[in-house]
């Protein structure tokens, strides 16, 4: 496979659209801990987090309406520290840090563009069968 410095790292690379790409990229860096990798004009910015990437793009319609039927989940080392950084930077928390029976501590927020994010920290190794999950052999 050819390596291309213009392509962000990762196999799955979400693209999230914002009305103001540069303001969104700056906020995602300060509030959520991303680092800027590549900026293309004022309409596209690649951001890295933990060896993977998202791409902040310009909204085609210039509007502010965001589809809330999807979100982005990010695995972090410390949910409480991440939550503190996000709230200190004005993130709108939708669900505070909470422990779940499937072995994760998670919180959710809405970013400055209206996108929904869940940040998750593994706190236990739980058999999915204990809560009704079915683990496929294809993992």
Protein backbone atom coordinates (compact mmCIF):
# COMPACT_ATOMS: atom_id res chain seq x y z
CA UNK A 1 0.00 0.00 0.00
CA UNK A 2 1.30 3.47 -0.88
CA UNK A 3 1.69 5.97 1.96
CA UNK A 4 0.35 9.44 1.17
CA UNK A 5 1.24 12.34 3.51
CA UNK A 6 -1.92 14.14 2.40
CA UNK A 7 -4.15 11.35 3.78
CA UNK A 8 -4.88 11.28 7.52
CA UNK A 9 -4.05 8.18 9.58
CA UNK A 10 -6.69 5.58 10.32
CA UNK A 11 -8.87 3.16 8.44
CA UNK A 12 -12.19 4.86 9.23
CA UNK A 13 -11.99 8.65 9.08
CA UNK A 14 -15.13 10.59 10.05
CA UNK A 15 -15.76 13.90 8.30
CA UNK A 16 -17.76 16.40 10.35
CA UNK A 17 -19.12 19.59 8.81
CA UNK A 18 -19.20 22.95 10.61
CA UNK A 19 -20.23 26.49 9.60
CA UNK A 20 -16.80 27.84 10.65
CA UNK A 21 -14.10 25.22 10.04
CA UNK A 22 -11.22 27.08 11.69
CA UNK A 23 -13.19 27.98 14.82
CA UNK A 24 -14.43 24.38 15.10
CA UNK A 25 -10.92 22.96 14.69
CA UNK A 26 -9.54 25.33 17.34
CA UNK A 27 -12.33 24.40 19.77
CA UNK A 28 -11.96 20.65 19.16
CA UNK A 29 -8.25 20.99 19.96
CA UNK A 30 -8.67 23.04 23.14
CA UNK A 31 -11.81 21.36 24.48
CA UNK A 32 -11.45 17.75 23.36
CA UNK A 33 -7.69 17.30 23.04
CA UNK A 34 -7.28 16.94 19.28
CA UNK A 35 -4.11 18.14 17.51
CA UNK A 36 -4.09 19.77 14.11
CA UNK A 37 -2.37 17.64 11.45
CA UNK A 38 -3.09 19.41 8.17
CA UNK A 39 -4.98 22.56 7.20
CA UNK A 40 -6.22 23.13 3.65
CA UNK A 41 -7.23 26.75 3.25
CA UNK A 42 -10.06 27.66 5.59
CA UNK A 43 -12.39 24.86 4.46
CA UNK A 44 -10.75 21.60 5.66
CA UNK A 45 -8.66 20.61 8.69
CA UNK A 46 -7.38 17.15 9.67
CA UNK A 47 -7.26 16.59 13.44
CA UNK A 48 -5.47 13.73 15.22
CA UNK A 49 -6.46 12.04 18.47
CA UNK A 50 -4.69 8.93 19.72
CA UNK A 51 -3.23 7.94 16.37
CA UNK A 52 -6.44 8.30 14.41
CA UNK A 53 -8.05 11.24 12.69
CA UNK A 54 -11.20 13.21 11.91
CA UNK A 55 -11.61 15.76 9.16
CA UNK A 56 -13.38 19.05 9.87
CA UNK A 57 -15.07 20.24 6.69
CA UNK A 58 -17.11 23.22 5.59
CA UNK A 59 -20.89 22.86 5.65
CA UNK A 60 -22.12 22.85 2.07
CA UNK A 61 -25.35 24.65 2.93
CA UNK A 62 -23.78 27.11 5.39
CA UNK A 63 -26.51 26.23 7.87
CA UNK A 64 -26.40 25.13 11.46
CA UNK A 65 -28.78 22.14 11.45
CA UNK A 66 -27.07 18.88 12.46
CA UNK A 67 -28.52 15.38 12.20
CA UNK A 68 -28.55 13.98 15.77
CA UNK A 69 -29.27 10.40 14.67
CA UNK A 70 -25.52 9.69 14.72
CA UNK A 71 -22.50 10.56 16.83
CA UNK A 72 -18.83 9.87 17.30
CA UNK A 73 -17.45 7.64 20.08
CA UNK A 74 -13.88 8.10 21.27
CA UNK A 75 -12.00 5.80 23.63
CA UNK A 76 -10.00 7.83 26.18
CA UNK A 77 -7.64 6.93 29.03
CA UNK A 78 -9.45 9.01 31.68
CA UNK A 79 -13.08 10.05 31.19
CA UNK A 80 -13.16 12.32 34.24
CA UNK A 81 -10.08 14.30 33.19
CA UNK A 82 -11.40 14.56 29.63
CA UNK A 83 -14.80 15.70 30.92
CA UNK A 84 -13.11 18.37 33.07
CA UNK A 85 -11.14 19.70 30.07
CA UNK A 86 -14.24 19.74 27.86
CA UNK A 87 -16.43 21.53 30.41
CA UNK A 88 -13.67 24.06 31.15
CA UNK A 89 -13.80 24.91 27.44
CA UNK A 90 -17.58 25.35 27.35
CA UNK A 91 -18.72 21.95 26.08
CA UNK A 92 -22.44 21.30 26.44
CA UNK A 93 -22.56 18.07 28.46
CA UNK A 94 -25.56 15.90 27.58
CA UNK A 95 -24.79 13.06 30.00
CA UNK A 96 -22.21 13.31 32.83
CA UNK A 97 -19.59 10.61 33.47
CA UNK A 98 -21.43 7.43 34.40
CA UNK A 99 -20.37 3.81 34.98
CA UNK A 100 -22.21 1.23 32.87
CA UNK A 101 -22.66 -2.53 33.45
CA UNK A 102 -20.84 -3.33 30.22
CA UNK A 103 -17.54 -2.17 31.76
CA UNK A 104 -17.34 1.39 30.44
CA UNK A 105 -17.40 4.81 32.08
CA UNK A 106 -18.81 7.30 29.59
CA UNK A 107 -20.04 10.83 29.15
CA UNK A 108 -21.62 12.60 26.18
CA UNK A 109 -21.51 16.15 24.91
CA UNK A 110 -22.58 18.34 22.05
CA UNK A 111 -19.80 20.34 20.40
CA UNK A 112 -19.95 23.91 19.11
CA UNK A 113 -21.27 22.68 15.76
CA UNK A 114 -24.03 20.56 17.31
CA UNK A 115 -22.29 17.21 16.74
CA UNK A 116 -22.76 14.60 19.46
CA UNK A 117 -19.78 12.84 21.00
CA UNK A 118 -19.45 10.03 23.55
CA UNK A 119 -16.16 9.57 25.38
CA UNK A 120 -15.59 6.14 26.88
CA UNK A 121 -13.06 4.65 29.32
CA UNK A 122 -12.84 0.90 29.91
CA UNK A 123 -13.12 0.19 33.64
CA UNK A 124 -13.70 -3.59 33.59
CA UNK A 125 -13.51 -6.56 31.25
CA UNK A 126 -17.14 -7.71 31.07
CA UNK A 127 -18.45 -10.75 29.21
CA UNK A 128 -21.03 -9.37 26.73
CA UNK A 129 -23.29 -12.36 27.48
CA UNK A 130 -23.78 -10.97 31.02
CA UNK A 131 -25.88 -8.11 29.63
CA UNK A 132 -27.43 -9.85 26.60
CA UNK A 133 -24.67 -9.22 24.07
CA UNK A 134 -23.52 -11.80 21.55
CA UNK A 135 -19.83 -11.63 20.70
CA UNK A 136 -19.12 -12.71 17.13
CA UNK A 137 -16.15 -14.89 16.24
CA UNK A 138 -15.27 -12.28 13.60
CA UNK A 139 -13.55 -9.91 16.06
